Amino acid sequence: MNFIRDEFVQWTGTDQAGKFSHIGQVVSCSDESIEFVTPHGVISTSVDDGAFRHISRPQDWSVVLPKSTKKPVKTTHTKPTVKPMATAKVGSKKEKALDLYTLMMDNGSHPQRKDVIESFMANLDMTKAGASTYQAMCKKAH
């Protein structure tokens, strides 16, 4: 049987586990052996080991053949850059929130979230959503 690269074959036979059948796309072949790719990987075998038959491409075939003529692509991995947290401008709402949060800290422990949000809403004229955002930012900064 003559095999051509990219054609589809079905290989059937028996082994110690019983009967088997594999469908794959031919990657390479010679007079003695055939190599074909299946959804489970590449199979290399002797052309005398089992029976082969040509078949049409299965409808659900999604395996891509390896490109033997293409050189491997060299990739480089760079670490993502981490932007430092922006510093607060003098007199900004962020600076005021940081100052108020620092005052609310007693003995190095963080105040409760609800207390910080209520304080920001009352003293810095913030909405609940804004105060919640600034509380998270202040907690992260300390």
Protein backbone atom coordinates (compact mmCIF):
# COMPACT_ATOMS: atom_id res chain seq x y z
CA MET A 1 0.00 0.00 0.00
CA ASN A 2 1.38 3.43 -0.91
CA PHE A 3 0.98 6.18 1.64
CA ILE A 4 1.03 9.91 0.94
CA ARG A 5 1.69 12.62 3.51
CA ASP A 6 -1.51 14.32 4.78
CA GLU A 7 -3.85 11.51 3.68
CA PHE A 8 -6.02 9.73 6.24
CA VAL A 9 -5.69 6.05 7.11
CA GLN A 10 -7.34 3.59 9.41
CA TRP A 11 -5.09 1.06 11.09
CA THR A 12 -6.63 -2.08 12.56
CA GLY A 13 -5.10 -5.13 14.15
CA THR A 14 -4.84 -7.17 17.31
CA ASP A 15 -2.39 -7.17 20.18
CA GLN A 16 -2.22 -8.66 23.66
CA ALA A 17 -5.06 -6.35 24.78
CA GLY A 18 -7.31 -7.45 21.90
CA LYS A 19 -8.53 -5.75 18.74
CA PHE A 20 -7.65 -2.10 18.08
CA SER A 21 -8.42 0.54 15.49
CA HIS A 22 -6.81 3.96 15.00
CA ILE A 23 -7.62 6.73 12.53
CA GLY A 24 -4.91 9.22 11.72
CA GLN A 25 -3.29 11.53 9.21
CA VAL A 26 -0.02 10.41 7.62
CA VAL A 27 3.01 12.40 8.76
CA SER A 28 5.73 10.34 7.08
CA CYS A 29 6.14 6.93 5.51
CA SER A 30 8.63 4.56 3.92
CA ASP A 31 8.48 1.04 2.50
CA GLU A 32 8.83 -0.41 6.00
CA SER A 33 7.08 2.00 8.36
CA ILE A 34 4.40 4.65 8.65
CA GLU A 35 4.02 7.49 11.11
CA PHE A 36 0.63 9.10 11.56
CA VAL A 37 -0.91 11.55 13.98
CA THR A 38 -4.09 10.71 15.87
CA PRO A 39 -6.09 12.76 18.38
CA HIS A 40 -4.13 10.87 21.07
CA GLY A 41 -0.65 11.47 19.65
CA VAL A 42 1.74 10.26 16.97
CA ILE A 43 1.91 6.54 16.17
CA SER A 44 4.89 4.93 14.42
CA THR A 45 4.55 1.34 13.24
CA SER A 46 5.66 -1.19 10.64
CA VAL A 47 3.46 -1.38 7.54
CA ASP A 48 3.27 -5.16 8.12
CA ASP A 49 1.88 -4.77 11.66
CA GLY A 50 -1.90 -4.83 11.17
CA ALA A 51 -4.02 -3.67 8.25
CA PHE A 52 -4.22 -0.20 6.75
CA ARG A 53 -6.86 1.29 4.52
CA HIS A 54 -7.27 4.74 3.01
CA ILE A 55 -10.24 6.73 4.35
CA SER A 56 -11.63 10.21 3.85
CA ARG A 57 -11.05 12.95 6.40
CA PRO A 58 -13.35 12.48 9.43
CA GLN A 59 -15.82 15.33 9.93
CA ASP A 60 -14.72 15.96 13.52
CA TRP A 61 -10.98 15.94 12.72
CA SER A 62 -9.22 18.74 14.62
CA VAL A 63 -5.60 17.56 14.88
CA VAL A 64 -3.05 19.78 13.18
CA LEU A 65 -0.10 18.10 11.52
CA PRO A 66 3.34 19.14 12.68
CA LYS A 67 5.12 21.33 10.14
CA SER A 68 8.29 19.43 9.31
CA THR A 69 9.64 22.12 6.97
CA LYS A 70 9.19 24.97 9.40
CA LYS A 71 11.97 25.87 11.84
CA PRO A 72 10.98 26.01 15.51
CA VAL A 73 10.00 29.46 16.69
CA LYS A 74 12.15 30.85 19.47
CA THR A 75 10.13 32.69 22.07
CA THR A 76 11.33 34.86 24.87
CA HIS A 77 9.51 35.49 28.10
CA THR A 78 9.80 38.83 29.81
CA LYS A 79 8.48 39.68 33.22
CA PRO A 80 5.53 42.05 33.17
CA THR A 81 6.37 45.48 34.43
CA VAL A 82 4.68 46.41 37.68
CA LYS A 83 3.69 50.03 37.97
CA PRO A 84 4.30 51.54 41.40
CA MET A 85 1.25 52.82 43.20
CA ALA A 86 0.67 56.48 42.42
CA THR A 87 1.62 58.86 45.18
CA ALA A 88 -1.02 61.19 46.51
CA LYS A 89 -0.87 64.86 45.58
CA VAL A 90 -0.76 67.31 48.45
CA GLY A 91 -4.31 68.14 49.50
CA SER A 92 -5.88 65.47 47.28
CA LYS A 93 -8.75 63.25 48.34
CA LYS A 94 -6.36 60.31 48.31
CA GLU A 95 -3.95 62.06 50.67
CA LYS A 96 -6.79 63.03 53.00
CA ALA A 97 -8.09 59.45 53.00
CA LEU A 98 -4.62 58.08 53.78
CA ASP A 99 -4.21 60.57 56.63
CA LEU A 100 -7.63 59.75 58.08
CA TYR A 101 -6.96 56.00 57.78
CA THR A 102 -3.62 56.42 59.56
CA LEU A 103 -5.36 58.27 62.40
CA MET A 104 -7.92 55.49 62.69
CA MET A 105 -5.21 52.86 63.10
CA ASP A 106 -4.53 52.21 66.75
CA ASN A 107 -1.43 50.31 67.82
CA GLY A 108 -0.65 49.21 64.26
CA SER A 109 -3.88 47.25 63.74
CA HIS A 110 -6.21 47.99 60.85
CA PRO A 111 -9.61 49.49 61.69
CA GLN A 112 -12.78 47.65 60.67
CA ARG A 113 -13.84 48.16 57.07
CA LYS A 114 -17.34 49.46 57.90
CA ASP A 115 -15.91 52.06 60.30
CA VAL A 116 -13.47 53.35 57.69
CA ILE A 117 -16.19 53.57 55.04
CA GLU A 118 -18.50 55.48 57.38
CA SER A 119 -15.69 57.87 58.35
CA PHE A 120 -14.76 58.53 54.69
CA MET A 121 -18.41 59.17 53.80
CA ALA A 122 -18.85 61.61 56.66
CA ASN A 123 -15.49 63.43 56.62
CA LEU A 124 -14.55 63.36 52.94
CA ASP A 125 -18.02 63.66 51.39
CA MET A 126 -17.77 60.32 49.51
CA THR A 127 -20.40 57.93 48.28
CA LYS A 128 -20.45 54.44 49.76
CA ALA A 129 -18.86 53.02 46.57
CA GLY A 130 -16.12 55.69 46.58
CA ALA A 131 -15.42 55.22 50.28
CA SER A 132 -15.18 51.46 49.76
CA THR A 133 -12.65 51.95 46.97
CA TYR A 134 -10.53 54.33 49.03
CA GLN A 135 -10.69 52.00 52.05
CA ALA A 136 -9.26 49.16 49.96
CA MET A 137 -6.54 51.45 48.60
CA CYS A 138 -5.61 52.66 52.11
CA LYS A 139 -5.52 49.13 53.51
CA LYS A 140 -3.25 48.05 50.65
CA ALA A 141 -0.96 51.05 51.22
CA HIS A 142 -0.52 50.21 54.91
